[in-house]
Protein backbone atom coordinates (compact mmCIF):
# COMPACT_ATOMS: atom_id res chain seq x y z
CA MET A 1 -7.85 12.00 -3.52
CA ALA A 2 -7.45 13.34 -7.05
CA ILE A 3 -7.44 17.12 -7.33
CA ASP A 4 -8.89 18.72 -10.43
CA THR A 5 -7.36 22.16 -10.95
CA SER A 6 -9.68 23.00 -13.86
CA LEU A 7 -12.41 24.46 -11.66
CA THR A 8 -15.45 25.10 -13.86
CA LEU A 9 -17.92 27.73 -12.80
CA GLN A 10 -21.30 28.88 -14.02
CA ALA A 11 -20.90 32.05 -16.08
CA PRO A 12 -22.77 33.78 -18.87
CA PRO A 13 -21.90 32.01 -22.13
CA GLU A 14 -20.44 35.20 -23.61
CA SER A 15 -17.68 35.50 -21.02
CA THR A 16 -15.12 33.34 -19.27
CA PRO A 17 -14.78 34.18 -15.58
CA ILE A 18 -11.54 35.52 -14.19
CA LEU A 19 -10.59 33.10 -11.42
CA LEU A 20 -8.79 34.41 -8.36
CA PRO A 21 -6.33 33.26 -6.91
CA GLY A 22 -5.26 31.06 -9.83
CA ASP A 23 -3.51 27.82 -8.85
CA ALA A 24 -4.43 28.15 -5.14
CA LEU A 25 -7.97 26.96 -5.88
CA ALA A 26 -8.91 23.50 -7.13
CA LYS A 27 -11.91 21.20 -7.36
CA GLY A 28 -12.17 17.98 -5.34
CA ASP A 29 -13.61 14.60 -6.33
CA ARG A 30 -17.18 15.66 -5.48
CA GLY A 31 -16.85 19.06 -7.18
CA GLU A 32 -16.21 20.89 -3.91
CA PRO A 33 -13.74 23.81 -3.92
CA LEU A 34 -10.36 23.21 -2.30
CA LEU A 35 -7.65 25.63 -1.25
CA ILE A 36 -4.16 24.48 -2.19
CA GLY A 37 -1.43 25.77 0.07
CA GLY A 38 2.04 24.52 0.83
CA ARG A 39 4.04 22.63 3.43
CA CYS A 40 7.78 22.86 3.94
CA THR A 41 9.33 19.38 3.92
CA SER A 42 12.25 20.62 6.05
CA CYS A 43 10.36 22.00 9.06
CA GLY A 44 6.69 21.12 8.45
CA GLU A 45 5.51 24.77 8.34
CA ARG A 46 2.21 25.17 6.47
CA MET A 47 1.33 28.23 4.41
CA PHE A 48 -1.43 29.70 2.29
CA PRO A 49 -0.91 30.70 -0.35
CA ARG A 50 2.04 28.48 -1.22
CA HIS A 51 5.39 30.32 -1.19
CA PRO A 52 8.59 29.35 -3.00
CA VAL A 53 10.58 29.77 0.24
CA CYS A 54 9.51 28.72 3.74
CA PRO A 55 8.94 31.81 5.91
CA SER A 56 9.99 29.80 8.97
CA CYS A 57 13.25 28.04 8.03
CA MET A 58 14.00 29.50 4.57
CA GLY A 59 13.83 26.00 3.05
CA GLU A 60 12.97 25.77 -0.62
CA ASP A 61 11.40 22.31 -0.75
CA ILE A 62 7.72 23.28 -0.54
CA VAL A 63 5.08 20.73 -1.52
CA SER A 64 1.43 21.40 -2.34
CA GLU A 65 -1.07 20.55 0.39
CA THR A 66 -4.86 20.73 0.47
CA MET A 67 -6.09 23.05 3.21
CA PRO A 68 -9.08 22.27 5.47
CA ARG A 69 -12.41 23.49 4.05
CA ARG A 70 -13.81 24.54 7.43
CA GLY A 71 -12.67 27.03 10.01
CA THR A 72 -13.72 29.67 12.53
CA LEU A 73 -14.26 33.36 11.80
CA TYR A 74 -11.53 35.27 13.65
CA SER A 75 -12.26 38.83 12.48
CA TYR A 76 -14.07 40.66 9.69
CA SER A 77 -14.99 44.03 8.25
CA VAL A 78 -17.79 45.09 5.92
CA VAL A 79 -16.63 47.39 3.11
CA HIS A 80 -19.11 49.83 1.59
CA VAL A 81 -16.73 51.88 -0.60
CA GLY A 82 -14.21 50.08 -2.74
CA PRO A 83 -12.90 49.46 -6.23
CA LYS A 84 -15.50 49.97 -8.94
CA LYS A 85 -15.39 46.37 -10.15
CA TRP A 86 -16.07 44.73 -6.75
CA ASN A 87 -19.62 43.94 -5.62
CA LYS A 88 -20.53 46.25 -2.74
CA PRO A 89 -20.99 46.02 0.12
CA PHE A 90 -18.59 43.13 0.64
CA ALA A 91 -17.01 41.49 3.65
CA LEU A 92 -13.37 40.58 4.17
CA GLY A 93 -12.00 38.71 7.11
CA TYR A 94 -9.70 36.15 8.65
CA VAL A 95 -10.72 32.51 9.05
CA ASP A 96 -8.74 30.20 11.34
CA LEU A 97 -8.46 26.78 9.72
CA ALA A 98 -8.20 23.48 11.60
CA ASN A 99 -4.49 23.18 10.66
CA SER A 100 -3.72 26.43 12.59
CA LEU A 101 -3.46 28.65 9.50
CA ARG A 102 -5.29 31.97 9.39
CA VAL A 103 -6.57 32.80 5.89
CA PHE A 104 -7.59 36.26 4.64
CA SER A 105 -10.65 35.96 2.42
CA HIS A 106 -13.81 37.42 0.99
CA LEU A 107 -16.79 36.36 3.11
CA LEU A 108 -20.40 35.88 2.09
CA LEU A 109 -22.46 38.55 3.83
CA ALA A 110 -24.93 36.56 5.91
CA ASP A 111 -25.18 36.89 9.69
CA LEU A 112 -21.43 37.12 10.25
CA GLU A 113 -20.34 36.76 13.86
CA ILE A 114 -16.84 36.31 15.26
CA GLY A 115 -16.42 32.70 16.35
CA SER A 116 -18.88 31.37 13.74
CA ALA A 117 -18.17 28.15 11.85
CA MET A 118 -17.18 28.91 8.26
CA GLU A 119 -16.86 26.76 5.14
CA LEU A 120 -15.04 27.28 1.86
CA ASP A 121 -17.09 28.13 -1.22
CA VAL A 122 -16.67 29.89 -4.57
CA ALA A 123 -18.58 33.02 -5.56
CA GLU A 124 -18.59 35.96 -7.91
CA VAL A 125 -16.96 38.88 -6.08
CA GLY A 126 -17.17 41.44 -8.88
CA ARG A 127 -17.27 42.14 -12.61
CA GLU A 128 -14.83 43.71 -15.01
CA SER A 129 -16.06 46.74 -16.96
CA ASP A 130 -16.85 44.46 -19.93
CA GLY A 131 -19.10 42.30 -17.72
CA THR A 132 -16.63 39.44 -17.22
CA PRO A 133 -17.26 37.86 -13.81
CA ILE A 134 -14.48 37.86 -11.21
CA VAL A 135 -14.71 34.66 -9.18
CA SER A 136 -12.80 33.84 -6.01
CA PHE A 137 -12.80 31.56 -3.03
CA VAL A 138 -14.98 32.84 -0.20
CA PHE A 139 -15.96 31.55 3.20
CA LYS A 140 -19.61 31.31 4.21
CA ARG A 141 -21.18 30.86 7.63
CA VAL A 142 -22.42 27.34 8.36
CA GLU A 143 -23.89 25.59 11.36
CA ALA A 144 -21.21 24.06 13.59
């Protein structure tokens, strides 16, 4: 599968969105968002985001690997007071992916429940003071 790292997002024509987390987010063949993590070729340890050194064996031969798009909500918190530029309230939480990784992420606020099926998406999570959108990967609740 070809991975397009030039993720294009809908934004007001006067501003270019700030994309978080940079090279850890890509676009798949069908336009779907993909998380790009890493895998150590020495021990097989997977990680997200990708690190230059394996946290398990200290190996330095880390290759890029596409992470699963679906997972299960492990834990979350709803934040009502936060940095000025973030949309509020917002939810943050941990999602357990099918490859045994646990990812910390923004979550779309919609009937969150621990144990729910979650799927990767992209959304605006805030705006800079000049109105520039801040866009990041998020997980949203889906039917199992």
